[in-house]
C-alpha atoms as a PDB file:
ATOM      1  CA  UNK A   1     -71.897 -55.132  31.540  1.00  0.00           C
ATOM      2  CA  UNK A   2     -68.560 -56.532  30.056  1.00  0.00           C
ATOM      3  CA  UNK A   3     -67.763 -58.925  27.575  1.00  0.00           C
ATOM      4  CA  UNK A   4     -64.892 -61.200  27.831  1.00  0.00           C
ATOM      5  CA  UNK A   5     -61.695 -61.522  25.568  1.00  0.00           C
ATOM      6  CA  UNK A   6     -59.124 -63.917  25.835  1.00  0.00           C
ATOM      7  CA  UNK A   7     -55.206 -63.562  24.919  1.00  0.00           C
ATOM      8  CA  UNK A   8     -53.239 -65.886  22.553  1.00  0.00           C
ATOM      9  CA  UNK A   9     -49.529 -65.907  21.248  1.00  0.00           C
ATOM     10  CA  UNK A  10     -49.120 -63.158  18.562  1.00  0.00           C
ATOM     11  CA  UNK A  11     -47.851 -65.468  15.225  1.00  0.00           C
ATOM     12  CA  UNK A  12     -47.872 -64.091  11.830  1.00  0.00           C
ATOM     13  CA  UNK A  13     -50.780 -66.816  10.917  1.00  0.00           C
ATOM     14  CA  UNK A  14     -53.074 -65.330  13.254  1.00  0.00           C
ATOM     15  CA  UNK A  15     -52.563 -61.988  12.835  1.00  0.00           C
ATOM     16  CA  UNK A  16     -52.364 -61.613   9.214  1.00  0.00           C
ATOM     17  CA  UNK A  17     -55.811 -60.718   8.283  1.00  0.00           C
ATOM     18  CA  UNK A  18     -54.407 -57.467  10.254  1.00  0.00           C
ATOM     19  CA  UNK A  19     -51.243 -56.941   9.548  1.00  0.00           C
ATOM     20  CA  UNK A  20     -47.923 -57.670   9.771  1.00  0.00           C
ATOM     21  CA  UNK A  21     -45.910 -59.586  12.536  1.00  0.00           C
ATOM     22  CA  UNK A  22     -42.323 -58.011  12.845  1.00  0.00           C
ATOM     23  CA  UNK A  23     -39.811 -60.253  13.927  1.00  0.00           C
ATOM     24  CA  UNK A  24     -36.032 -61.813  13.240  1.00  0.00           C
ATOM     25  CA  UNK A  25     -36.925 -65.631  13.187  1.00  0.00           C
ATOM     26  CA  UNK A  26     -35.350 -68.466  11.171  1.00  0.00           C
ATOM     27  CA  UNK A  27     -33.105 -67.916   8.546  1.00  0.00           C
ATOM     28  CA  UNK A  28     -32.253 -64.613   7.497  1.00  0.00           C
ATOM     29  CA  UNK A  29     -33.279 -63.612   4.358  1.00  0.00           C
ATOM     30  CA  UNK A  30     -29.830 -62.314   3.227  1.00  0.00           C
ATOM     31  CA  UNK A  31     -26.216 -62.080   5.251  1.00  0.00           C
ATOM     32  CA  UNK A  32     -24.910 -58.495   4.847  1.00  0.00           C
ATOM     33  CA  UNK A  33     -22.115 -56.383   6.341  1.00  0.00           C
ATOM     34  CA  UNK A  34     -19.097 -58.989   6.105  1.00  0.00           C
ATOM     35  CA  UNK A  35     -21.032 -61.651   7.065  1.00  0.00           C
ATOM     36  CA  UNK A  36     -21.627 -60.329  10.459  1.00  0.00           C
ATOM     37  CA  UNK A  37     -25.330 -59.736   9.996  1.00  0.00           C
ATOM     38  CA  UNK A  38     -28.132 -61.292   8.956  1.00  0.00           C
ATOM     39  CA  UNK A  39     -31.132 -59.316   7.241  1.00  0.00           C
ATOM     40  CA  UNK A  40     -34.904 -59.643   7.712  1.00  0.00           C
ATOM     41  CA  UNK A  41     -36.069 -58.086   4.620  1.00  0.00           C
ATOM     42  CA  UNK A  42     -39.403 -56.753   3.362  1.00  0.00           C
ATOM     43  CA  UNK A  43     -41.364 -57.607   6.996  1.00  0.00           C
ATOM     44  CA  UNK A  44     -43.715 -54.734   6.673  1.00  0.00           C
ATOM     45  CA  UNK A  45     -46.044 -53.377   4.016  1.00  0.00           C
ATOM     46  CA  UNK A  46     -46.293 -49.809   4.722  1.00  0.00           C
ATOM     47  CA  UNK A  47     -49.196 -48.242   2.831  1.00  0.00           C
ATOM     48  CA  UNK A  48     -49.742 -44.292   2.994  1.00  0.00           C
ATOM     49  CA  UNK A  49     -52.604 -42.709   1.308  1.00  0.00           C
ATOM     50  CA  UNK A  50     -52.942 -39.725  -0.824  1.00  0.00           C
ATOM     51  CA  UNK A  51     -51.192 -36.159   0.371  1.00  0.00           C
ATOM     52  CA  UNK A  52     -48.896 -38.438   2.869  1.00  0.00           C
ATOM     53  CA  UNK A  53     -45.745 -39.697   3.800  1.00  0.00           C
ATOM     54  CA  UNK A  54     -43.630 -42.058   6.050  1.00  0.00           C
ATOM     55  CA  UNK A  55     -42.210 -40.800   9.130  1.00  0.00           C
ATOM     56  CA  UNK A  56     -40.818 -42.002  12.067  1.00  0.00           C
ATOM     57  CA  UNK A  57     -41.920 -40.932  15.809  1.00  0.00           C
ATOM     58  CA  UNK A  58     -41.329 -42.265  19.212  1.00  0.00           C
ATOM     59  CA  UNK A  59     -44.256 -43.232  21.565  1.00  0.00           C
ATOM     60  CA  UNK A  60     -43.952 -42.982  25.455  1.00  0.00           C
ATOM     61  CA  UNK A  61     -46.929 -45.206  26.741  1.00  0.00           C
ATOM     62  CA  UNK A  62     -48.251 -45.624  30.389  1.00  0.00           C
ATOM     63  CA  UNK A  63     -47.769 -49.551  31.296  1.00  0.00           C
ATOM     64  CA  UNK A  64     -51.247 -51.092  31.785  1.00  0.00           C
ATOM     65  CA  UNK A  65     -52.188 -54.312  33.370  1.00  0.00           C
ATOM     66  CA  UNK A  66     -54.208 -57.466  32.527  1.00  0.00           C
ATOM     67  CA  UNK A  67     -57.154 -57.585  33.045  1.00  0.00           C
ATOM     68  CA  UNK A  68     -57.556 -54.491  30.544  1.00  0.00           C
ATOM     69  CA  UNK A  69     -60.972 -52.704  29.969  1.00  0.00           C
ATOM     70  CA  UNK A  70     -61.169 -52.231  26.186  1.00  0.00           C
ATOM     71  CA  UNK A  71     -63.525 -49.251  25.754  1.00  0.00           C
ATOM     72  CA  UNK A  72     -62.025 -47.581  22.436  1.00  0.00           C
ATOM     73  CA  UNK A  73     -60.903 -49.233  19.205  1.00  0.00           C
ATOM     74  CA  UNK A  74     -59.782 -46.645  16.070  1.00  0.00           C
ATOM     75  CA  UNK A  75     -58.321 -47.217  12.684  1.00  0.00           C
ATOM     76  CA  UNK A  76     -56.442 -45.119  10.291  1.00  0.00           C
ATOM     77  CA  UNK A  77     -58.017 -45.130   6.546  1.00  0.00           C
ATOM     78  CA  UNK A  78     -55.146 -43.554   4.767  1.00  0.00           C
ATOM     79  CA  UNK A  79     -51.944 -45.249   6.370  1.00  0.00           C
ATOM     80  CA  UNK A  80     -50.420 -48.311   7.871  1.00  0.00           C
ATOM     81  CA  UNK A  81     -48.656 -48.003  11.320  1.00  0.00           C
ATOM     82  CA  UNK A  82     -45.964 -50.131  12.686  1.00  0.00           C
ATOM     83  CA  UNK A  83     -45.114 -50.491  16.810  1.00  0.00           C
ATOM     84  CA  UNK A  84     -41.675 -51.477  17.224  1.00  0.00           C
ATOM     85  CA  UNK A  85     -40.710 -51.504  20.783  1.00  0.00           C
ATOM     86  CA  UNK A  86     -37.873 -49.928  22.174  1.00  0.00           C
ATOM     87  CA  UNK A  87     -37.190 -52.704  24.594  1.00  0.00           C
ATOM     88  CA  UNK A  88     -37.689 -56.444  24.899  1.00  0.00           C
ATOM     89  CA  UNK A  89     -41.240 -55.812  27.483  1.00  0.00           C
ATOM     90  CA  UNK A  90     -44.236 -57.443  26.127  1.00  0.00           C
ATOM     91  CA  UNK A  91     -47.538 -55.635  25.039  1.00  0.00           C
ATOM     92  CA  UNK A  92     -50.735 -56.403  24.322  1.00  0.00           C
ATOM     93  CA  UNK A  93     -52.242 -55.974  20.469  1.00  0.00           C
ATOM     94  CA  UNK A  94     -55.963 -55.870  19.926  1.00  0.00           C
ATOM     95  CA  UNK A  95     -57.418 -55.877  16.617  1.00  0.00           C
ATOM     96  CA  UNK A  96     -61.161 -56.449  14.918  1.00  0.00           C
ATOM     97  CA  UNK A  97     -62.268 -56.807  11.233  1.00  0.00           C
ATOM     98  CA  UNK A  98     -64.286 -54.419   9.839  1.00  0.00           C
ATOM     99  CA  UNK A  99     -68.146 -55.110   9.897  1.00  0.00           C
ATOM    100  CA  UNK A 100     -70.154 -52.892   7.554  1.00  0.00           C
ATOM    101  CA  UNK A 101     -67.690 -49.487   9.060  1.00  0.00           C
ATOM    102  CA  UNK A 102     -67.375 -50.264  12.561  1.00  0.00           C
ATOM    103  CA  UNK A 103     -65.245 -52.824  14.638  1.00  0.00           C
ATOM    104  CA  UNK A 104     -66.140 -56.662  14.549  1.00  0.00           C
ATOM    105  CA  UNK A 105     -65.383 -58.738  17.289  1.00  0.00           C
ATOM    106  CA  UNK A 106     -61.987 -58.037  18.427  1.00  0.00           C
ATOM    107  CA  UNK A 107     -58.813 -60.250  19.215  1.00  0.00           C
ATOM    108  CA  UNK A 108     -56.213 -59.705  21.802  1.00  0.00           C
ATOM    109  CA  UNK A 109     -52.860 -60.705  21.055  1.00  0.00           C
ATOM    110  CA  UNK A 110     -49.823 -61.171  23.689  1.00  0.00           C
ATOM    111  CA  UNK A 111     -46.358 -59.972  21.702  1.00  0.00           C
ATOM    112  CA  UNK A 112     -43.093 -62.341  22.596  1.00  0.00           C
ATOM    113  CA  UNK A 113     -40.073 -60.464  23.224  1.00  0.00           C
ATOM    114  CA  UNK A 114     -38.525 -59.033  20.138  1.00  0.00           C
ATOM    115  CA  UNK A 115     -41.789 -58.729  17.864  1.00  0.00           C
ATOM    116  CA  UNK A 116     -43.204 -55.817  16.596  1.00  0.00           C
ATOM    117  CA  UNK A 117     -46.294 -55.324  14.481  1.00  0.00           C
ATOM    118  CA  UNK A 118     -47.243 -53.475  11.660  1.00  0.00           C
ATOM    119  CA  UNK A 119     -50.999 -52.818  11.350  1.00  0.00           C
ATOM    120  CA  UNK A 120     -52.306 -52.478   7.800  1.00  0.00           C
ATOM    121  CA  UNK A 121     -54.034 -49.581   6.393  1.00  0.00           C
ATOM    122  CA  UNK A 122     -57.752 -49.493   7.822  1.00  0.00           C
ATOM    123  CA  UNK A 123     -57.503 -51.924  10.591  1.00  0.00           C
ATOM    124  CA  UNK A 124     -59.824 -51.431  13.843  1.00  0.00           C
ATOM    125  CA  UNK A 125     -57.079 -51.821  16.617  1.00  0.00           C
ATOM    126  CA  UNK A 126     -57.122 -50.727  20.086  1.00  0.00           C
ATOM    127  CA  UNK A 127     -54.162 -48.099  21.646  1.00  0.00           C
ATOM    128  CA  UNK A 128     -50.760 -48.896  22.382  1.00  0.00           C
ATOM    129  CA  UNK A 129     -50.777 -51.255  25.357  1.00  0.00           C
ATOM    130  CA  UNK A 130     -47.618 -51.873  27.143  1.00  0.00           C
ATOM    131  CA  UNK A 131     -47.556 -54.148  30.135  1.00  0.00           C
ATOM    132  CA  UNK A 132     -44.394 -52.909  31.765  1.00  0.00           C
ATOM    133  CA  UNK A 133     -42.617 -49.757  31.564  1.00  0.00           C
ATOM    134  CA  UNK A 134     -40.618 -47.806  29.782  1.00  0.00           C
ATOM    135  CA  UNK A 135     -43.664 -48.326  27.068  1.00  0.00           C
ATOM    136  CA  UNK A 136     -41.019 -46.651  24.313  1.00  0.00           C
ATOM    137  CA  UNK A 137     -41.503 -47.390  20.519  1.00  0.00           C
ATOM    138  CA  UNK A 138     -40.501 -46.659  17.567  1.00  0.00           C
ATOM    139  CA  UNK A 139     -43.857 -45.805  15.574  1.00  0.00           C
ATOM    140  CA  UNK A 140     -43.795 -45.595  11.525  1.00  0.00           C
ATOM    141  CA  UNK A 141     -46.798 -44.203  10.260  1.00  0.00           C
ATOM    142  CA  UNK A 142     -48.541 -41.741   7.887  1.00  0.00           C
ATOM    143  CA  UNK A 143     -47.409 -38.178   8.510  1.00  0.00           C
ATOM    144  CA  UNK A 144     -49.674 -35.558   6.494  1.00  0.00           C
ATOM    145  CA  UNK A 145     -52.293 -32.379   6.752  1.00  0.00           C
ATOM    146  CA  UNK A 146     -55.477 -34.411   6.244  1.00  0.00           C
ATOM    147  CA  UNK A 147     -57.581 -36.220   8.872  1.00  0.00           C
ATOM    148  CA  UNK A 148     -56.214 -39.969   9.441  1.00  0.00           C
ATOM    149  CA  UNK A 149     -57.985 -41.272  12.332  1.00  0.00           C
ATOM    150  CA  UNK A 150     -61.645 -42.563  13.274  1.00  0.00           C
ATOM    151  CA  UNK A 151     -62.300 -43.984  16.803  1.00  0.00           C
ATOM    152  CA  UNK A 152     -65.186 -46.161  18.078  1.00  0.00           C
ATOM    153  CA  UNK A 153     -66.401 -46.488  21.620  1.00  0.00           C
ATOM    154  CA  UNK A 154     -67.620 -49.728  22.947  1.00  0.00           C
ATOM    155  CA  UNK A 155     -70.880 -50.182  24.935  1.00  0.00           C
ATOM    156  CA  UNK A 156     -70.484 -52.182  26.680  1.00  0.00           C
ATOM    157  CA  UNK A 157     -66.533 -52.387  27.057  1.00  0.00           C
ATOM    158  CA  UNK A 158     -64.623 -56.076  27.095  1.00  0.00           C
ATOM    159  CA  UNK A 159     -62.178 -57.031  29.411  1.00  0.00           C
ATOM    160  CA  UNK A 160     -59.125 -58.729  28.116  1.00  0.00           C
ATOM    161  CA  UNK A 161     -58.058 -61.499  30.273  1.00  0.00           C
END
């Protein structure tokens, strides 16, 4: 038996309890570089726990498709995690509120071209789920020697449509 979650568009307001939407919409905060570049300033709350530092990694994930079987959620208690696609292809973002140290009911968001996301520290989320190749992302997250991953298997799983 599986449970169903319907996708919704990714908006800053809907995603606010879980993190930040990274996008260059509206008027820029500043105009720089001899007036030829708009700067959308300080768009994510990066948060790295003790014993860690910010790092930039590249992830290349296999594309998935809808309907998507959601079996696992994870969180990172010691650091935020930002995903910035290196193409204009959509990806699926799954998050869940915390419910007594376990994930609550998940929500699924579809990104628009040019959107990235930043999960706040400790946010339950699905794995990286691009919907088209190449599935290449720049990821800004905590680099450190201590464990920073908790996984929760879902039984029964959800189906995202």
